[in-house]
Amino acid sequence: MGDLVTVLPPYDRDPYILNFQHYGRIAAVEHRENMPSYMVELDSTLPPRRQVGPFPGTRLAKGWRDQSGRWLVE
């Protein structure tokens, strides 16, 4: 919970906001068919902190890139 992640493409079946904002934090972990899936909270949304998902772990990368292209991981 709270880890910084990047939601990986494809985004065609995801909420439209993910086309522009791929970075967020793990908001919740769900277990479906004995496999974890993750809800991701986005920062810059209206209403604030919108949750999207659930995503399988294979769609998430730990960390994100900052404005200068550096990879950030907490």
Protein backbone atom coordinates (compact mmCIF):
# COMPACT_ATOMS: atom_id res chain seq x y z
CA MET A 1 0.00 0.00 0.00
CA GLY A 2 1.28 3.46 -0.87
CA ASP A 3 4.04 2.27 -3.24
CA LEU A 4 4.74 4.46 -6.28
CA VAL A 5 3.85 2.63 -9.50
CA THR A 6 3.48 3.14 -13.23
CA VAL A 7 0.48 1.56 -14.96
CA LEU A 8 1.80 -0.03 -18.15
CA PRO A 9 0.01 -0.04 -21.53
CA PRO A 10 -2.19 -0.96 -23.30
CA TYR A 11 -4.65 1.67 -22.08
CA ASP A 12 -7.46 1.07 -24.59
CA ARG A 13 -9.76 -0.62 -22.03
CA ASP A 14 -8.77 1.59 -19.09
CA PRO A 15 -10.26 4.90 -17.94
CA TYR A 16 -9.29 7.66 -20.40
CA ILE A 17 -7.22 9.52 -17.76
CA LEU A 18 -4.57 6.77 -17.93
CA ASN A 19 -3.66 7.90 -21.45
CA PHE A 20 -2.18 11.01 -19.81
CA GLN A 21 -1.43 10.06 -16.21
CA HIS A 22 0.25 6.67 -15.84
CA TYR A 23 1.74 7.26 -12.39
CA GLY A 24 0.11 6.72 -9.01
CA ARG A 25 0.22 4.90 -5.69
CA ILE A 26 -1.14 1.51 -4.67
CA ALA A 27 -4.43 2.27 -2.89
CA ALA A 28 -5.73 -1.25 -2.29
CA VAL A 29 -4.88 -4.90 -2.89
CA GLU A 30 -7.61 -7.35 -3.86
CA HIS A 31 -7.30 -11.10 -4.28
CA ARG A 32 -9.15 -12.55 -7.26
CA GLU A 33 -8.82 -16.20 -8.17
CA ASN A 34 -5.80 -16.48 -5.85
CA MET A 35 -4.00 -13.71 -7.77
CA PRO A 36 -3.52 -10.23 -6.31
CA SER A 37 -4.87 -7.24 -8.21
CA TYR A 38 -4.23 -3.62 -7.37
CA MET A 39 -6.22 -0.40 -7.23
CA VAL A 40 -4.12 2.66 -8.13
CA GLU A 41 -4.77 6.17 -6.81
CA LEU A 42 -3.99 9.04 -9.21
CA ASP A 43 -2.99 12.46 -7.86
CA SER A 44 -4.15 14.96 -10.49
CA THR A 45 -7.83 14.14 -10.96
CA LEU A 46 -11.22 15.70 -10.34
CA PRO A 47 -12.40 14.61 -7.85
CA PRO A 48 -8.96 14.35 -6.23
CA ARG A 49 -7.21 11.02 -5.70
CA ARG A 50 -9.36 8.99 -8.06
CA GLN A 51 -8.82 5.24 -7.86
CA VAL A 52 -8.59 3.16 -11.03
CA GLY A 53 -8.23 -0.55 -11.56
CA PRO A 54 -8.03 -3.26 -10.51
CA PHE A 55 -4.83 -4.16 -12.38
CA PRO A 56 -2.86 -7.40 -12.31
CA GLY A 57 0.69 -7.06 -11.03
CA THR A 58 1.99 -7.58 -14.58
CA ARG A 59 0.51 -4.17 -15.59
CA LEU A 60 2.43 -2.30 -12.88
CA ALA A 61 6.06 -1.21 -12.73
CA LYS A 62 7.58 -0.08 -9.44
CA GLY A 63 8.30 3.67 -9.43
CA TRP A 64 7.87 6.36 -12.10
CA ARG A 65 9.81 8.86 -14.20
CA ASP A 66 10.12 12.49 -13.17
CA GLN A 67 10.04 15.51 -15.52
CA SER A 68 13.72 15.08 -16.42
CA GLY A 69 13.30 11.37 -17.23
CA ARG A 70 14.92 10.00 -14.07
CA TRP A 71 13.35 6.84 -12.65
CA LEU A 72 12.09 7.35 -9.08
CA VAL A 73 11.41 4.54 -6.65
CA GLU A 74 10.59 4.94 -2.96
